[in-house]
Amino acid sequence: MRQESAGVTEALLESAKAEFLRYGFHNANLRRISADSGVSTNSVYTRFGDKSGLFTAVVKPAADGLMKIYLDSINEASGSKNAAAATGMGDEGTELVLRYIYDNFDVFQLIFCHSTGTEYEHYFDELAEIEEKYYKEFVAQYAKEDHRVSDFFIHVVCRTGWNYIYEVVSHNIPYEEAREFMKSIREYRFAGWGRVLGLF
């Protein structure tokens, strides 16, 4: 009985994911989701509360997983002894993040492109805020004395950094192409940060 219930829930979540991807959160319809999955609308409300609860159920596992990978990467880079080591760890972290996003691509399309009106509407902002905090510490630790970097500069650069990820997801860029694109972005940013911080 428990396996049957799990199978029904899985079918419901798959139907919901397809509905949210096609119509977005606001225009998604619980009746269509119910009909597609063979589950009554009342059952949806019983299991998830409302449409927002259903959206959360679809995206939460992958969203939490990415947040953990990203925080672990940031914490590891923060413990580096020099800027080169921190940059190297950051590169590895970017690779892990990108791979994880592509392993859960549909879910991150929902989060990045279709989450307006849900609790994940500001997930992108949360990631950027974490990166901004890290880079403020990075700049304070490694910038040369005569190279001042404003908080606003850091804010904009960190927002832009996550926008690159948004772009490859929203444009359905194939993984290998996205990987090469992000490699170029990392090289571009490394050179830029090096000049801004006075490292070379």
Protein backbone atom coordinates (compact mmCIF):
# COMPACT_ATOMS: atom_id res chain seq x y z
CA MET A 1 0.00 0.00 0.00
CA ARG A 2 2.84 2.34 0.88
CA GLN A 3 4.59 1.60 -2.46
CA GLU A 4 1.34 2.31 -4.28
CA SER A 5 0.98 5.63 -2.47
CA ALA A 6 4.59 6.53 -3.31
CA GLY A 7 3.92 5.69 -6.97
CA VAL A 8 0.84 7.93 -7.03
CA THR A 9 2.80 10.78 -5.44
CA GLU A 10 5.61 10.37 -7.97
CA ALA A 11 3.15 10.43 -10.88
CA LEU A 12 1.49 13.51 -9.43
CA LEU A 13 4.78 15.35 -9.04
CA GLU A 14 5.80 14.49 -12.61
CA SER A 15 2.46 15.76 -13.93
CA ALA A 16 2.84 18.91 -11.84
CA LYS A 17 6.36 19.52 -13.11
CA ALA A 18 5.19 19.25 -16.72
CA GLU A 19 2.26 21.58 -16.03
CA PHE A 20 4.41 24.21 -14.31
CA LEU A 21 6.98 24.06 -17.11
CA ARG A 22 4.33 24.56 -19.76
CA TYR A 23 2.14 27.18 -18.08
CA GLY A 24 4.24 28.69 -15.29
CA PHE A 25 3.08 28.74 -11.68
CA HIS A 26 0.26 31.28 -12.04
CA ASN A 27 -1.38 29.67 -15.06
CA ALA A 28 -0.90 26.08 -13.98
CA ASN A 29 -4.19 24.30 -13.26
CA LEU A 30 -4.64 21.72 -10.50
CA ARG A 31 -7.50 20.06 -12.37
CA ARG A 32 -5.28 19.41 -15.37
CA ILE A 33 -2.57 18.06 -13.08
CA SER A 34 -5.09 15.82 -11.33
CA ALA A 35 -6.52 14.51 -14.60
CA ASP A 36 -3.09 13.83 -16.06
CA SER A 37 -1.87 11.93 -12.98
CA GLY A 38 -5.14 10.14 -12.24
CA VAL A 39 -5.37 11.70 -8.79
CA SER A 40 -8.38 13.62 -7.52
CA THR A 41 -8.06 17.35 -6.91
CA ASN A 42 -9.05 16.77 -3.29
CA SER A 43 -6.13 14.37 -2.96
CA VAL A 44 -3.78 17.09 -4.20
CA TYR A 45 -5.04 19.47 -1.51
CA THR A 46 -4.76 16.74 1.13
CA ARG A 47 -1.18 15.89 0.18
CA PHE A 48 0.23 19.35 -0.56
CA GLY A 49 -2.19 21.97 0.78
CA ASP A 50 -2.42 24.10 -2.37
CA LYS A 51 -0.72 24.82 -5.70
CA SER A 52 2.18 26.56 -3.96
CA GLY A 53 2.73 23.53 -1.74
CA LEU A 54 2.74 21.31 -4.82
CA PHE A 55 5.32 23.53 -6.55
CA THR A 56 7.50 23.36 -3.45
CA ALA A 57 7.25 19.57 -3.38
CA VAL A 58 8.43 19.43 -7.00
CA VAL A 59 11.49 21.69 -6.60
CA LYS A 60 12.58 21.50 -2.95
CA PRO A 61 14.82 18.39 -3.07
CA ALA A 62 16.89 19.71 -5.97
CA ALA A 63 16.89 23.28 -4.63
CA ASP A 64 18.17 22.12 -1.25
CA GLY A 65 20.76 19.92 -2.94
CA LEU A 66 22.16 22.77 -4.99
CA MET A 67 22.25 25.08 -1.98
CA LYS A 68 24.28 22.51 -0.04
CA ILE A 69 26.75 21.99 -2.89
CA TYR A 70 27.17 25.74 -3.27
CA LEU A 71 27.59 26.43 0.45
CA ASP A 72 30.13 23.60 0.77
CA SER A 73 32.07 25.05 -2.17
CA ILE A 74 32.02 28.56 -0.71
CA ASN A 75 33.12 27.33 2.73
CA GLU A 76 35.98 25.34 1.21
CA ALA A 77 37.17 28.31 -0.86
CA SER A 78 36.93 30.58 2.21
CA GLY A 79 39.49 28.40 3.98
CA SER A 80 42.08 28.79 1.20
CA LYS A 81 45.51 30.19 1.98
CA ASN A 82 45.88 32.32 -1.14
CA ALA A 83 43.89 33.83 -3.99
CA ALA A 84 45.02 31.22 -6.54
CA ALA A 85 43.87 28.35 -4.34
CA ALA A 86 40.56 30.07 -3.64
CA THR A 87 40.04 30.62 -7.37
CA GLY A 88 40.83 26.99 -8.13
CA MET A 89 38.34 25.78 -5.58
CA GLY A 90 35.81 28.23 -6.96
CA ASP A 91 36.31 26.74 -10.42
CA GLU A 92 35.70 23.25 -9.05
CA GLY A 93 32.60 24.52 -7.27
CA THR A 94 31.25 26.03 -10.48
CA GLU A 95 31.72 22.70 -12.27
CA LEU A 96 29.85 20.87 -9.51
CA VAL A 97 27.02 23.42 -9.52
CA LEU A 98 26.64 23.29 -13.30
CA ARG A 99 26.66 19.49 -13.39
CA TYR A 100 24.05 19.32 -10.63
CA ILE A 101 21.81 21.84 -12.38
CA TYR A 102 21.97 19.86 -15.61
CA ASP A 103 21.26 16.62 -13.75
CA ASN A 104 18.05 18.33 -12.52
CA PHE A 105 17.53 20.60 -15.49
CA ASP A 106 13.71 20.71 -15.58
CA VAL A 107 13.53 21.62 -11.91
CA PHE A 108 15.98 24.49 -12.29
CA GLN A 109 14.10 25.77 -15.30
CA LEU A 110 11.10 25.94 -12.96
CA ILE A 111 13.04 27.71 -10.22
CA PHE A 112 14.84 30.19 -12.47
CA CYS A 113 12.11 30.84 -15.05
CA HIS A 114 8.69 29.86 -13.67
CA SER A 115 8.70 30.44 -9.90
CA THR A 116 7.12 33.92 -9.68
CA GLY A 117 4.49 33.78 -6.94
CA THR A 118 6.13 30.91 -5.05
CA GLU A 119 8.54 30.78 -2.12
CA TYR A 120 11.31 30.05 -4.67
CA GLU A 121 10.80 33.34 -6.50
CA HIS A 122 13.89 34.76 -4.75
CA TYR A 123 16.05 31.63 -4.76
CA PHE A 124 18.29 33.19 -7.41
CA ASP A 125 18.72 36.26 -5.17
CA GLU A 126 19.67 34.08 -2.20
CA LEU A 127 22.46 32.44 -4.21
CA ALA A 128 23.74 35.84 -5.35
CA GLU A 129 23.69 37.17 -1.77
CA ILE A 130 25.80 34.24 -0.58
CA GLU A 131 28.30 34.89 -3.37
CA GLU A 132 28.35 38.59 -2.56
CA LYS A 133 29.18 37.91 1.10
CA TYR A 134 32.00 35.58 0.06
CA TYR A 135 33.49 38.05 -2.40
CA LYS A 136 33.47 40.86 0.15
CA GLU A 137 35.63 38.63 2.36
CA PHE A 138 37.76 37.61 -0.63
CA VAL A 139 38.38 41.24 -1.57
CA ALA A 140 39.16 42.26 2.01
CA GLN A 141 41.68 39.43 2.27
CA TYR A 142 43.47 39.63 -1.07
CA ALA A 143 43.12 43.14 -2.59
CA LYS A 144 46.28 45.23 -2.65
CA GLU A 145 46.19 48.31 -0.41
CA ASP A 146 45.93 50.77 -3.32
CA HIS A 147 43.11 48.84 -5.01
CA ARG A 148 39.83 49.75 -3.39
CA VAL A 149 36.77 47.80 -4.52
CA SER A 150 33.34 49.16 -3.65
CA ASP A 151 30.55 47.04 -2.19
CA PHE A 152 28.36 48.10 -5.11
CA PHE A 153 30.89 46.76 -7.60
CA ILE A 154 30.93 43.43 -5.78
CA HIS A 155 27.12 43.38 -5.63
CA VAL A 156 26.74 43.88 -9.39
CA VAL A 157 29.48 41.42 -10.35
CA CYS A 158 28.01 38.71 -8.12
CA ARG A 159 24.52 39.24 -9.49
CA THR A 160 25.96 38.99 -12.99
CA GLY A 161 27.79 35.79 -12.10
CA TRP A 162 24.58 33.92 -11.37
CA ASN A 163 22.93 35.50 -14.39
CA TYR A 164 25.30 33.49 -16.60
CA ILE A 165 23.81 30.31 -15.12
CA TYR A 166 20.32 31.68 -15.65
CA GLU A 167 21.09 32.35 -19.29
CA VAL A 168 22.29 28.84 -20.12
CA VAL A 169 19.28 27.32 -18.35
CA SER A 170 16.68 29.66 -19.83
CA HIS A 171 18.09 29.20 -23.34
CA ASN A 172 18.26 25.39 -23.09
CA ILE A 173 21.96 25.36 -23.89
CA PRO A 174 23.31 21.77 -24.09
CA TYR A 175 25.53 20.76 -21.16
CA GLU A 176 28.86 20.53 -23.00
CA GLU A 177 28.27 23.90 -24.63
CA ALA A 178 27.28 25.40 -21.28
CA ARG A 179 30.40 23.90 -19.69
CA GLU A 180 32.66 25.51 -22.31
CA PHE A 181 30.79 28.79 -21.93
CA MET A 182 31.24 28.78 -18.15
CA LYS A 183 34.93 27.91 -18.54
CA SER A 184 35.35 31.03 -20.70
CA ILE A 185 33.42 33.07 -18.15
CA ARG A 186 35.68 31.86 -15.33
CA GLU A 187 38.80 32.85 -17.30
CA TYR A 188 37.26 36.22 -18.09
CA ARG A 189 36.35 36.83 -14.44
CA PHE A 190 39.73 35.61 -13.17
CA ALA A 191 41.54 38.13 -15.37
CA GLY A 192 39.14 40.89 -14.36
CA TRP A 193 39.39 40.23 -10.63
CA GLY A 194 43.17 40.02 -10.90
CA ARG A 195 43.35 43.51 -12.36
CA VAL A 196 40.74 44.99 -10.03
CA LEU A 197 42.47 43.58 -6.93
CA GLY A 198 45.96 44.52 -8.15
CA LEU A 199 47.16 40.92 -8.18
CA PHE A 200 48.71 41.25 -11.65
